[in-house]
Amino acid sequence: EPAKQEAPKPAPAAPQSYATGSPSPAAKKILDEKGIDASQVSGQGRDGRITKTDAELAAVPAMGGSLLTATGARSTTTTKLSVLRRKIAQRLVSVKNETAMLTTFNEVDMSEIFRLRKQYKDEFAQKHGVGLGFMSFFTKAVTRALKLYPDVNASIDGDFKINYDFCDISIAVSGPKGLMVPVLRNAENMSFKGVEANIKDLAVKVRDGKITVDEMTGGTFTITNGGTFGSMLSTPIINPPQSAILGMHNIIQRPVAVDGQVVIRPMMYVAMSYDHRIIDGKESVGFLVAVKEGIDNPVEFLLGGDEKKGLEL
C-alpha cells in the first residue's frame, strides 16, 4: 500500500510583539513623505517590524476613495471683484504708495461719558428724538482738536498745502455694500443733537443704499470705529486726499492707576494715522492728546462747564 503523503504544514506565524507593525525611524520618515499610513504596510522585519525597504517598496495610495473620505471634499471658488471693491482696492494701495503714513496711539478714559449718557440719555432722547451716543463726543473732541492743530485739517495738492477753516468730518459706516464714509458738513458748528441727528440720517441712507456720492465726498478728516466689530487696536488707513484719520476701538474694563490707587475704568485705545509729509510728530501727538482731553473731561472741554446746557437740556 503506497505511503500517504502529508500535506505541507503552513509556515509558523511571525511572533507578535511591540514591534509588530511599527516602522523603524528611517521607515517612518519615508512613509510620512509618501503620505502612507503605517497600518497599510506589511512589515517583513523581525517580529513584523516595518523596515526601510518595506517603506521604499510601499505604493503611494491613489488619489480618491478612502483618502477623500478621510480628508473631505476640497474646492475653490473664483468670483470677479465688484466695481466698488476694485475701486476700494486701488484707493487703499494708492494711500500706501503715495503717502508717508504713520500711526500714533493713546488711551482714553470713558468714565465721564458713561456717566453723562447714563444720567441724561432718557431726557436727551425725549427732548431731541435721538440717542446720546459715543460718536457725538468723539466728533466734538475732534473738531476742537482740529482748531488747535490746523495742519491736521489740511491736504496736499502737488507742491501746495491746503488748509481748511471748516471741519467736514467723514464718519465710517458699515453698510450692505461695504464701508461708506458719509460726511458731516461744518461739524464744528453742530450741537450734540445736531451730530447725533445727522449721523442717524446718514447711517439710515447707507443701510438703505440711498446715500449719494455728494454725501460721501469732500471730508477733511475721518473717524472710524473698529470697536463695533470688537477691535482692540488697529492702524486705520488715511482716507485720501485727507491727511489724517482717528480710529476708535472697543471699550474694556481694565485696571489703571489713578492718584496712586489701582482702579477699574472703562478704557479705550485710540489711534491716529497721519501723512508725515504734512503733519509732524509734534502735531500728531498733540492732536491726539487734545482728543484725549475732550473724552476724559467732556464737561470742561466739550460742554463749556455746564453739562445740561451743553446738551441743550
C-alpha atoms as a PDB file:
ATOM      1  CA  GLU A   1       0.000   0.000   0.000  1.00  0.00           C
ATOM      2  CA  PRO A   2       1.568   3.341  -1.049  1.00  0.00           C
ATOM      3  CA  ALA A   3       2.648   5.630   1.743  1.00  0.00           C
ATOM      4  CA  LYS A   4       0.335   8.513   2.427  1.00  0.00           C
ATOM      5  CA  GLN A   5       1.765  11.945   1.686  1.00  0.00           C
ATOM      6  CA  GLU A   6       1.193  14.523   4.379  1.00  0.00           C
ATOM      7  CA  ALA A   7       0.057  17.997   3.333  1.00  0.00           C
ATOM      8  CA  PRO A   8       2.739  20.666   3.830  1.00  0.00           C
ATOM      9  CA  LYS A   9       2.369  22.457   7.113  1.00  0.00           C
ATOM     10  CA  PRO A  10       1.899  26.279   6.917  1.00  0.00           C
ATOM     11  CA  ALA A  11       4.848  28.365   7.975  1.00  0.00           C
ATOM     12  CA  PRO A  12       4.564  29.420  11.572  1.00  0.00           C
ATOM     13  CA  ALA A  13       3.185  32.957  12.010  1.00  0.00           C
ATOM     14  CA  ALA A  14       5.667  35.604  12.982  1.00  0.00           C
ATOM     15  CA  PRO A  15       5.571  36.185  16.709  1.00  0.00           C
ATOM     16  CA  GLN A  16       3.651  39.264  17.789  1.00  0.00           C
ATOM     17  CA  SER A  17       5.449  41.911  19.852  1.00  0.00           C
ATOM     18  CA  TYR A  18       5.535  45.654  20.439  1.00  0.00           C
ATOM     19  CA  ALA A  19       7.494  45.950  17.190  1.00  0.00           C
ATOM     20  CA  THR A  20       4.804  44.348  15.033  1.00  0.00           C
ATOM     21  CA  GLY A  21       3.525  46.896  12.511  1.00  0.00           C
ATOM     22  CA  SER A  22       5.786  49.626  13.862  1.00  0.00           C
ATOM     23  CA  PRO A  23       8.091  51.380  11.398  1.00  0.00           C
ATOM     24  CA  SER A  24      11.732  51.965  12.111  1.00  0.00           C
ATOM     25  CA  PRO A  25      12.750  55.660  12.283  1.00  0.00           C
ATOM     26  CA  ALA A  26      14.045  55.573   8.701  1.00  0.00           C
ATOM     27  CA  ALA A  27      10.899  53.783   7.511  1.00  0.00           C
ATOM     28  CA  LYS A  28       8.644  56.268   9.326  1.00  0.00           C
ATOM     29  CA  LYS A  29      10.331  59.187   7.582  1.00  0.00           C
ATOM     30  CA  ILE A  30       9.795  57.598   4.172  1.00  0.00           C
ATOM     31  CA  LEU A  31       6.160  56.748   4.913  1.00  0.00           C
ATOM     32  CA  ASP A  32       5.480  60.300   6.128  1.00  0.00           C
ATOM     33  CA  GLU A  33       6.997  61.724   2.945  1.00  0.00           C
ATOM     34  CA  LYS A  34       4.829  59.413   0.829  1.00  0.00           C
ATOM     35  CA  GLY A  35       1.737  60.114   2.895  1.00  0.00           C
ATOM     36  CA  ILE A  36       1.237  56.418   3.680  1.00  0.00           C
ATOM     37  CA  ASP A  37      -0.249  55.204   6.943  1.00  0.00           C
ATOM     38  CA  ALA A  38       1.887  52.532   8.634  1.00  0.00           C
ATOM     39  CA  SER A  39      -1.197  50.349   9.124  1.00  0.00           C
ATOM     40  CA  GLN A  40      -1.358  49.897   5.327  1.00  0.00           C
ATOM     41  CA  VAL A  41       2.122  48.340   5.140  1.00  0.00           C
ATOM     42  CA  SER A  42       3.040  44.738   5.958  1.00  0.00           C
ATOM     43  CA  GLY A  43       6.274  44.645   7.906  1.00  0.00           C
ATOM     44  CA  GLN A  44       8.819  41.994   6.850  1.00  0.00           C
ATOM     45  CA  GLY A  45      11.358  42.717   9.541  1.00  0.00           C
ATOM     46  CA  ARG A  46      11.908  40.904  12.785  1.00  0.00           C
ATOM     47  CA  ASP A  47       8.626  40.358  14.668  1.00  0.00           C
ATOM     48  CA  GLY A  48       6.779  42.098  11.819  1.00  0.00           C
ATOM     49  CA  ARG A  49       8.584  45.426  12.123  1.00  0.00           C
ATOM     50  CA  ILE A  50       8.333  47.739   9.091  1.00  0.00           C
ATOM     51  CA  THR A  51      11.800  48.195   7.652  1.00  0.00           C
ATOM     52  CA  LYS A  52      13.248  50.890   5.434  1.00  0.00           C
ATOM     53  CA  THR A  53      12.988  48.507   2.477  1.00  0.00           C
ATOM     54  CA  ASP A  54       9.301  47.850   3.245  1.00  0.00           C
ATOM     55  CA  ALA A  55       8.665  51.603   3.246  1.00  0.00           C
ATOM     56  CA  GLU A  56      10.557  52.130  -0.007  1.00  0.00           C
ATOM     57  CA  LEU A  57       8.535  49.374  -1.715  1.00  0.00           C
ATOM     58  CA  ALA A  58       5.180  50.571  -0.388  1.00  0.00           C
ATOM     59  CA  ALA A  59       2.956  52.022  -3.077  1.00  0.00           C
ATOM     60  CA  VAL A  60       1.546  55.531  -2.736  1.00  0.00           C
ATOM     61  CA  PRO A  61      -2.285  55.318  -2.479  1.00  0.00           C
ATOM     62  CA  ALA A  62      -4.303  56.578  -5.415  1.00  0.00           C
ATOM     63  CA  MET A  63      -5.964  59.975  -5.036  1.00  0.00           C
ATOM     64  CA  GLY A  64      -9.555  59.081  -4.385  1.00  0.00           C
ATOM     65  CA  GLY A  65     -11.734  56.679  -2.460  1.00  0.00           C
ATOM     66  CA  SER A  66     -10.626  56.346   1.131  1.00  0.00           C
ATOM     67  CA  LEU A  67      -8.326  59.384   1.007  1.00  0.00           C
ATOM     68  CA  LEU A  68     -11.148  61.699   0.001  1.00  0.00           C
ATOM     69  CA  THR A  69     -13.370  60.149   2.620  1.00  0.00           C
ATOM     70  CA  ALA A  70     -10.795  60.856   5.284  1.00  0.00           C
ATOM     71  CA  THR A  71      -9.955  64.421   4.322  1.00  0.00           C
ATOM     72  CA  GLY A  72     -13.288  65.614   2.972  1.00  0.00           C
ATOM     73  CA  ALA A  73     -14.012  67.417  -0.295  1.00  0.00           C
ATOM     74  CA  ARG A  74     -11.872  70.447  -1.192  1.00  0.00           C
ATOM     75  CA  SER A  75     -12.922  73.099  -3.679  1.00  0.00           C
ATOM     76  CA  THR A  76     -12.181  76.665  -4.687  1.00  0.00           C
ATOM     77  CA  THR A  77     -14.491  79.355  -5.996  1.00  0.00           C
ATOM     78  CA  THR A  78     -13.382  82.252  -8.174  1.00  0.00           C
ATOM     79  CA  THR A  79     -15.550  85.347  -8.475  1.00  0.00           C
ATOM     80  CA  LYS A  80     -14.832  88.690 -10.062  1.00  0.00           C
ATOM     81  CA  LEU A  81     -14.390  91.630  -7.710  1.00  0.00           C
ATOM     82  CA  SER A  82     -17.228  94.127  -7.802  1.00  0.00           C
ATOM     83  CA  VAL A  83     -16.584  97.558  -9.274  1.00  0.00           C
ATOM     84  CA  LEU A  84     -16.836  99.042  -5.776  1.00  0.00           C
ATOM     85  CA  ARG A  85     -14.337  96.554  -4.314  1.00  0.00           C
ATOM     86  CA  ARG A  86     -11.879  97.198  -7.180  1.00  0.00           C
ATOM     87  CA  LYS A  87     -12.074 100.940  -6.599  1.00  0.00           C
ATOM     88  CA  ILE A  88     -11.566 100.476  -2.862  1.00  0.00           C
ATOM     89  CA  ALA A  89      -8.539  98.260  -3.523  1.00  0.00           C
ATOM     90  CA  GLN A  90      -6.993 100.807  -5.887  1.00  0.00           C
ATOM     91  CA  ARG A  91      -7.629 103.612  -3.432  1.00  0.00           C
ATOM     92  CA  LEU A  92      -6.080 101.790  -0.476  1.00  0.00           C
ATOM     93  CA  VAL A  93      -2.987 100.787  -2.445  1.00  0.00           C
ATOM     94  CA  SER A  94      -2.550 104.381  -3.625  1.00  0.00           C
ATOM     95  CA  VAL A  95      -2.560 105.565   0.003  1.00  0.00           C
ATOM     96  CA  LYS A  96       0.265 103.200   0.894  1.00  0.00           C
ATOM     97  CA  ASN A  97       2.255 104.164  -2.196  1.00  0.00           C
ATOM     98  CA  GLU A  98       1.680 107.915  -2.245  1.00  0.00           C
ATOM     99  CA  THR A  99       1.756 108.962   1.426  1.00  0.00           C
ATOM    100  CA  ALA A 100       4.223 108.730   4.296  1.00  0.00           C
ATOM    101  CA  MET A 101       1.695 107.208   6.677  1.00  0.00           C
ATOM    102  CA  LEU A 102       2.471 106.754  10.361  1.00  0.00           C
ATOM    103  CA  THR A 103       0.254 105.938  13.346  1.00  0.00           C
ATOM    104  CA  THR A 104       0.384 107.263  16.907  1.00  0.00           C
ATOM    105  CA  PHE A 105      -1.587 105.863  19.844  1.00  0.00           C
ATOM    106  CA  ASN A 106      -3.103 106.927  23.141  1.00  0.00           C
ATOM    107  CA  GLU A 107      -5.838 105.765  25.512  1.00  0.00           C
ATOM    108  CA  VAL A 108      -8.943 107.490  26.811  1.00  0.00           C
ATOM    109  CA  ASP A 109     -10.987 107.026  29.980  1.00  0.00           C
ATOM    110  CA  MET A 110     -14.676 106.705  29.104  1.00  0.00           C
ATOM    111  CA  SER A 111     -15.909 107.047  32.705  1.00  0.00           C
ATOM    112  CA  GLU A 112     -17.324 110.568  32.392  1.00  0.00           C
ATOM    113  CA  ILE A 113     -19.024 109.842  29.081  1.00  0.00           C
ATOM    114  CA  PHE A 114     -20.563 106.719  30.609  1.00  0.00           C
ATOM    115  CA  ARG A 115     -21.849 108.834  33.490  1.00  0.00           C
ATOM    116  CA  LEU A 116     -23.295 111.525  31.222  1.00  0.00           C
ATOM    117  CA  ARG A 117     -25.037 109.011  28.988  1.00  0.00           C
ATOM    118  CA  LYS A 118     -26.488 107.119  31.935  1.00  0.00           C
ATOM    119  CA  GLN A 119     -27.668 110.304  33.628  1.00  0.00           C
ATOM    120  CA  TYR A 120     -29.120 112.107  30.616  1.00  0.00           C
ATOM    121  CA  LYS A 121     -29.854 109.514  27.905  1.00  0.00           C
ATOM    122  CA  ASP A 122     -33.601 109.358  28.603  1.00  0.00           C
ATOM    123  CA  GLU A 123     -34.009 113.117  28.892  1.00  0.00           C
ATOM    124  CA  PHE A 124     -31.851 113.678  25.791  1.00  0.00           C
ATOM    125  CA  ALA A 125     -33.841 111.178  23.706  1.00  0.00           C
ATOM    126  CA  GLN A 126     -37.175 112.561  24.910  1.00  0.00           C
ATOM    127  CA  LYS A 127     -36.263 116.145  24.066  1.00  0.00           C
ATOM    128  CA  HIS A 128     -34.240 115.678  20.878  1.00  0.00           C
ATOM    129  CA  GLY A 129     -35.656 112.478  19.400  1.00  0.00           C
ATOM    130  CA  VAL A 130     -32.233 110.840  19.039  1.00  0.00           C
ATOM    131  CA  GLY A 131     -29.976 108.876  21.356  1.00  0.00           C
ATOM    132  CA  LEU A 132     -26.873 110.265  23.033  1.00  0.00           C
ATOM    133  CA  GLY A 133     -24.100 108.084  21.617  1.00  0.00           C
ATOM    134  CA  PHE A 134     -20.323 107.952  21.803  1.00  0.00           C
ATOM    135  CA  MET A 135     -19.819 109.378  18.317  1.00  0.00           C
ATOM    136  CA  SER A 136     -21.078 112.858  19.191  1.00  0.00           C
ATOM    137  CA  PHE A 137     -18.482 113.140  21.968  1.00  0.00           C
ATOM    138  CA  PHE A 138     -15.686 111.997  19.672  1.00  0.00           C
ATOM    139  CA  THR A 139     -16.838 114.295  16.875  1.00  0.00           C
ATOM    140  CA  LYS A 140     -16.860 117.294  19.204  1.00  0.00           C
ATOM    141  CA  ALA A 141     -13.455 116.289  20.615  1.00  0.00           C
ATOM    142  CA  VAL A 142     -12.044 116.015  17.081  1.00  0.00           C
ATOM    143  CA  THR A 143     -13.376 119.373  15.876  1.00  0.00           C
ATOM    144  CA  ARG A 144     -11.901 121.041  18.964  1.00  0.00           C
ATOM    145  CA  ALA A 145      -8.534 119.364  18.336  1.00  0.00           C
ATOM    146  CA  LEU A 146      -8.585 120.341  14.649  1.00  0.00           C
ATOM    147  CA  LYS A 147      -8.901 124.001  15.627  1.00  0.00           C
ATOM    148  CA  LEU A 148      -5.909 123.624  17.949  1.00  0.00           C
ATOM    149  CA  TYR A 149      -3.829 121.796  15.318  1.00  0.00           C
ATOM    150  CA  PRO A 150      -4.876 123.181  11.912  1.00  0.00           C
ATOM    151  CA  ASP A 151      -2.243 121.258   9.923  1.00  0.00           C
ATOM    152  CA  VAL A 152      -4.138 118.062  10.730  1.00  0.00           C
ATOM    153  CA  ASN A 153      -7.129 119.631   8.961  1.00  0.00           C
ATOM    154  CA  ALA A 154      -5.255 120.037   5.677  1.00  0.00           C
ATOM    155  CA  SER A 155      -4.310 118.219   2.497  1.00  0.00           C
ATOM    156  CA  ILE A 156      -1.541 118.245  -0.114  1.00  0.00           C
ATOM    157  CA  ASP A 157      -2.128 119.197  -3.735  1.00  0.00           C
ATOM    158  CA  GLY A 158       1.131 118.837  -5.640  1.00  0.00           C
ATOM    159  CA  ASP A 159       3.565 121.336  -4.137  1.00  0.00           C
ATOM    160  CA  PHE A 160       0.834 123.130  -2.189  1.00  0.00           C
ATOM    161  CA  LYS A 161      -0.769 122.638   1.208  1.00  0.00           C
ATOM    162  CA  ILE A 162      -4.481 123.361   1.529  1.00  0.00           C
ATOM    163  CA  ASN A 163      -5.767 124.287   4.995  1.00  0.00           C
ATOM    164  CA  TYR A 164      -9.490 124.252   5.755  1.00  0.00           C
ATOM    165  CA  ASP A 165     -11.132 126.607   8.242  1.00  0.00           C
ATOM    166  CA  PHE A 166     -14.132 124.270   8.450  1.00  0.00           C
ATOM    167  CA  CYS A 167     -14.394 120.707   9.760  1.00  0.00           C
ATOM    168  CA  ASP A 168     -16.170 118.318   7.409  1.00  0.00           C
ATOM    169  CA  ILE A 169     -15.940 115.048   9.319  1.00  0.00           C
ATOM    170  CA  SER A 170     -16.231 111.763   7.425  1.00  0.00           C
ATOM    171  CA  ILE A 171     -17.845 109.084   9.593  1.00  0.00           C
ATOM    172  CA  ALA A 172     -17.134 105.482   8.578  1.00  0.00           C
ATOM    173  CA  VAL A 173     -20.402 103.499   8.452  1.00  0.00           C
ATOM    174  CA  SER A 174     -20.715  99.808   7.574  1.00  0.00           C
ATOM    175  CA  GLY A 175     -23.416  99.066   5.007  1.00  0.00           C
ATOM    176  CA  PRO A 176     -24.605  96.211   2.768  1.00  0.00           C
ATOM    177  CA  LYS A 177     -22.152  97.254   0.038  1.00  0.00           C
ATOM    178  CA  GLY A 178     -19.197  97.699   2.369  1.00  0.00           C
ATOM    179  CA  LEU A 179     -17.741 100.558   4.362  1.00  0.00           C
ATOM    180  CA  MET A 180     -19.062 104.016   3.454  1.00  0.00           C
ATOM    181  CA  VAL A 181     -17.835 107.389   4.719  1.00  0.00           C
ATOM    182  CA  PRO A 182     -20.665 109.966   4.656  1.00  0.00           C
ATOM    183  CA  VAL A 183     -19.670 113.484   5.665  1.00  0.00           C
ATOM    184  CA  LEU A 184     -20.900 115.758   8.466  1.00  0.00           C
ATOM    185  CA  ARG A 185     -20.619 119.234   6.918  1.00  0.00           C
ATOM    186  CA  ASN A 186     -19.411 122.010   9.235  1.00  0.00           C
ATOM    187  CA  ALA A 187     -19.361 119.656  12.199  1.00  0.00           C
ATOM    188  CA  GLU A 188     -17.572 122.331  14.242  1.00  0.00           C
ATOM    189  CA  ASN A 189     -20.845 124.276  14.355  1.00  0.00           C
ATOM    190  CA  MET A 190     -23.059 121.330  15.301  1.00  0.00           C
ATOM    191  CA  SER A 191     -24.530 120.715  18.736  1.00  0.00           C
ATOM    192  CA  PHE A 192     -24.593 117.240  20.263  1.00  0.00           C
ATOM    193  CA  LYS A 193     -28.158 116.942  18.998  1.00  0.00           C
ATOM    194  CA  GLY A 194     -27.078 118.013  15.517  1.00  0.00           C
ATOM    195  CA  VAL A 195     -24.253 115.479  15.351  1.00  0.00           C
ATOM    196  CA  GLU A 196     -26.450 112.615  16.538  1.00  0.00           C
ATOM    197  CA  ALA A 197     -29.331 113.519  14.205  1.00  0.00           C
ATOM    198  CA  ASN A 198     -27.085 113.840  11.157  1.00  0.00           C
ATOM    199  CA  ILE A 199     -25.229 110.599  11.875  1.00  0.00           C
ATOM    200  CA  LYS A 200     -28.537 108.768  12.284  1.00  0.00           C
ATOM    201  CA  ASP A 201     -29.842 110.169   8.997  1.00  0.00           C
ATOM    202  CA  LEU A 202     -26.674 109.285   7.078  1.00  0.00           C
ATOM    203  CA  ALA A 203     -26.486 105.793   8.612  1.00  0.00           C
ATOM    204  CA  VAL A 204     -30.065 105.062   7.504  1.00  0.00           C
ATOM    205  CA  LYS A 205     -29.222 106.180   3.962  1.00  0.00           C
ATOM    206  CA  VAL A 206     -26.153 103.919   3.917  1.00  0.00           C
ATOM    207  CA  ARG A 207     -28.184 100.974   5.219  1.00  0.00           C
ATOM    208  CA  ASP A 208     -30.926 101.521   2.646  1.00  0.00           C
ATOM    209  CA  GLY A 209     -28.483 102.098  -0.213  1.00  0.00           C
ATOM    210  CA  LYS A 210     -29.712 105.669  -0.742  1.00  0.00           C
ATOM    211  CA  ILE A 211     -26.512 107.539   0.121  1.00  0.00           C
ATOM    212  CA  THR A 212     -25.313 109.817  -2.691  1.00  0.00           C
ATOM    213  CA  VAL A 213     -21.790 110.443  -3.965  1.00  0.00           C
ATOM    214  CA  ASP A 214     -22.031 114.092  -2.883  1.00  0.00           C
ATOM    215  CA  GLU A 215     -22.798 112.992   0.674  1.00  0.00           C
ATOM    216  CA  MET A 216     -19.577 110.951   0.756  1.00  0.00           C
ATOM    217  CA  THR A 217     -17.110 113.403  -0.783  1.00  0.00           C
ATOM    218  CA  GLY A 218     -15.291 116.461   0.490  1.00  0.00           C
ATOM    219  CA  GLY A 219     -14.446 115.423   4.044  1.00  0.00           C
ATOM    220  CA  THR A 220     -11.393 116.946   5.715  1.00  0.00           C
ATOM    221  CA  PHE A 221     -10.906 114.319   8.467  1.00  0.00           C
ATOM    222  CA  THR A 222     -12.271 110.812   9.128  1.00  0.00           C
ATOM    223  CA  ILE A 223     -13.406 108.972  12.267  1.00  0.00           C
ATOM    224  CA  THR A 224     -13.723 105.182  12.131  1.00  0.00           C
ATOM    225  CA  ASN A 225     -14.856 102.855  14.914  1.00  0.00           C
ATOM    226  CA  GLY A 226     -13.434  99.345  14.748  1.00  0.00           C
ATOM    227  CA  GLY A 227     -14.743  98.796  18.257  1.00  0.00           C
ATOM    228  CA  THR A 228     -18.170  97.960  16.854  1.00  0.00           C
ATOM    229  CA  PHE A 229     -16.577  94.764  15.489  1.00  0.00           C
ATOM    230  CA  GLY A 230     -14.553  94.063  18.636  1.00  0.00           C
ATOM    231  CA  SER A 231     -11.225  95.549  17.541  1.00  0.00           C
ATOM    232  CA  MET A 232      -8.915  96.357  20.439  1.00  0.00           C
ATOM    233  CA  LEU A 233      -6.249  98.195  18.426  1.00  0.00           C
ATOM    234  CA  SER A 234      -5.609  98.955  14.764  1.00  0.00           C
ATOM    235  CA  THR A 235      -3.770 101.254  12.373  1.00  0.00           C
ATOM    236  CA  PRO A 236      -6.520 102.880  10.270  1.00  0.00           C
ATOM    237  CA  ILE A 237      -5.684 103.872   6.694  1.00  0.00           C
ATOM    238  CA  ILE A 238      -5.942 107.523   5.655  1.00  0.00           C
ATOM    239  CA  ASN A 239      -8.939 108.452   3.517  1.00  0.00           C
ATOM    240  CA  PRO A 240      -7.361 110.478   0.663  1.00  0.00           C
ATOM    241  CA  PRO A 241      -6.973 113.349  -0.035  1.00  0.00           C
ATOM    242  CA  GLN A 242      -7.295 113.825   3.736  1.00  0.00           C
ATOM    243  CA  SER A 243      -4.129 113.786   5.816  1.00  0.00           C
ATOM    244  CA  ALA A 244      -5.316 112.013   8.972  1.00  0.00           C
ATOM    245  CA  ILE A 245      -7.852 109.604  10.447  1.00  0.00           C
ATOM    246  CA  LEU A 246      -8.870 108.734  14.015  1.00  0.00           C
ATOM    247  CA  GLY A 247      -9.524 105.108  14.936  1.00  0.00           C
ATOM    248  CA  MET A 248     -11.806 104.259  17.869  1.00  0.00           C
ATOM    249  CA  HIS A 249     -11.783 100.777  19.408  1.00  0.00           C
ATOM    250  CA  ASN A 250     -13.695  98.614  21.857  1.00  0.00           C
ATOM    251  CA  ILE A 251     -14.106  99.665  25.474  1.00  0.00           C
ATOM    252  CA  ILE A 252     -12.547  97.360  28.057  1.00  0.00           C
ATOM    253  CA  GLN A 253     -12.923  97.482  31.826  1.00  0.00           C
ATOM    254  CA  ARG A 254      -9.310  97.291  32.996  1.00  0.00           C
ATOM    255  CA  PRO A 255      -7.129  98.373  35.916  1.00  0.00           C
ATOM    256  CA  VAL A 256      -5.449 101.784  35.739  1.00  0.00           C
ATOM    257  CA  ALA A 257      -3.510 103.874  38.240  1.00  0.00           C
ATOM    258  CA  VAL A 258      -5.418 106.954  39.462  1.00  0.00           C
ATOM    259  CA  ASP A 259      -3.914 109.137  42.208  1.00  0.00           C
ATOM    260  CA  GLY A 260      -1.682 106.302  43.331  1.00  0.00           C
ATOM    261  CA  GLN A 261      -4.548 103.798  43.507  1.00  0.00           C
ATOM    262  CA  VAL A 262      -5.401 100.923  41.175  1.00  0.00           C
ATOM    263  CA  VAL A 263      -8.991 101.302  39.970  1.00  0.00           C
ATOM    264  CA  ILE A 264     -11.109  99.692  37.261  1.00  0.00           C
ATOM    265  CA  ARG A 265     -12.096 102.078  34.468  1.00  0.00           C
ATOM    266  CA  PRO A 266     -13.745 101.723  31.037  1.00  0.00           C
ATOM    267  CA  MET A 267     -10.761 102.351  28.766  1.00  0.00           C
ATOM    268  CA  MET A 268     -10.386 102.668  25.009  1.00  0.00           C
ATOM    269  CA  TYR A 269      -7.274 102.759  22.855  1.00  0.00           C
ATOM    270  CA  VAL A 270      -7.352 105.415  20.137  1.00  0.00           C
ATOM    271  CA  ALA A 271      -5.121 105.561  17.069  1.00  0.00           C
ATOM    272  CA  MET A 272      -4.364 108.407  14.698  1.00  0.00           C
ATOM    273  CA  SER A 273      -2.833 107.635  11.313  1.00  0.00           C
ATOM    274  CA  TYR A 274      -1.421 110.657   9.520  1.00  0.00           C
ATOM    275  CA  ASP A 275       0.569 111.729   6.473  1.00  0.00           C
ATOM    276  CA  HIS A 276       4.032 112.612   7.751  1.00  0.00           C
ATOM    277  CA  ARG A 277       4.656 114.744   4.647  1.00  0.00           C
ATOM    278  CA  ILE A 278       2.359 117.417   6.023  1.00  0.00           C
ATOM    279  CA  ILE A 279       1.945 116.583   9.736  1.00  0.00           C
ATOM    280  CA  ASP A 280       4.928 116.402  12.091  1.00  0.00           C
ATOM    281  CA  GLY A 281       5.120 114.128  15.107  1.00  0.00           C
ATOM    282  CA  LYS A 282       4.598 117.040  17.486  1.00  0.00           C
ATOM    283  CA  GLU A 283       1.309 117.979  15.826  1.00  0.00           C
ATOM    284  CA  SER A 284       0.043 114.400  15.600  1.00  0.00           C
ATOM    285  CA  VAL A 285       0.772 113.620  19.250  1.00  0.00           C
ATOM    286  CA  GLY A 286      -0.600 116.987  20.373  1.00  0.00           C
ATOM    287  CA  PHE A 287      -3.768 116.447  18.366  1.00  0.00           C
ATOM    288  CA  LEU A 288      -4.381 113.031  19.932  1.00  0.00           C
ATOM    289  CA  VAL A 289      -3.711 114.416  23.416  1.00  0.00           C
ATOM    290  CA  ALA A 290      -6.305 117.132  22.725  1.00  0.00           C
ATOM    291  CA  VAL A 291      -8.815 114.450  21.717  1.00  0.00           C
ATOM    292  CA  LYS A 292      -7.993 112.600  24.932  1.00  0.00           C
ATOM    293  CA  GLU A 293      -8.621 115.763  26.969  1.00  0.00           C
ATOM    294  CA  GLY A 294     -12.077 116.095  25.459  1.00  0.00           C
ATOM    295  CA  ILE A 295     -13.008 112.471  26.130  1.00  0.00           C
ATOM    296  CA  ASP A 296     -11.504 112.266  29.618  1.00  0.00           C
ATOM    297  CA  ASN A 297     -13.054 115.595  30.684  1.00  0.00           C
ATOM    298  CA  PRO A 298     -16.055 116.258  28.418  1.00  0.00           C
ATOM    299  CA  VAL A 299     -17.813 118.664  30.770  1.00  0.00           C
ATOM    300  CA  GLU A 300     -14.827 121.008  30.859  1.00  0.00           C
ATOM    301  CA  PHE A 301     -13.652 120.765  27.252  1.00  0.00           C
ATOM    302  CA  LEU A 302     -16.767 119.882  25.234  1.00  0.00           C
ATOM    303  CA  LEU A 303     -19.749 121.124  27.255  1.00  0.00           C
ATOM    304  CA  GLY A 304     -18.482 124.517  28.365  1.00  0.00           C
ATOM    305  CA  GLY A 305     -18.509 123.570  32.041  1.00  0.00           C
ATOM    306  CA  ASP A 306     -22.301 123.112  32.151  1.00  0.00           C
ATOM    307  CA  GLU A 307     -23.379 119.619  31.153  1.00  0.00           C
ATOM    308  CA  LYS A 308     -27.123 120.308  30.933  1.00  0.00           C
ATOM    309  CA  LYS A 309     -26.657 123.483  28.930  1.00  0.00           C
ATOM    310  CA  GLY A 310     -24.071 121.814  26.719  1.00  0.00           C
ATOM    311  CA  LEU A 311     -26.515 119.008  25.951  1.00  0.00           C
ATOM    312  CA  GLU A 312     -29.353 121.533  25.446  1.00  0.00           C
ATOM    313  CA  LEU A 313     -31.480 120.055  28.228  1.00  0.00           C
END
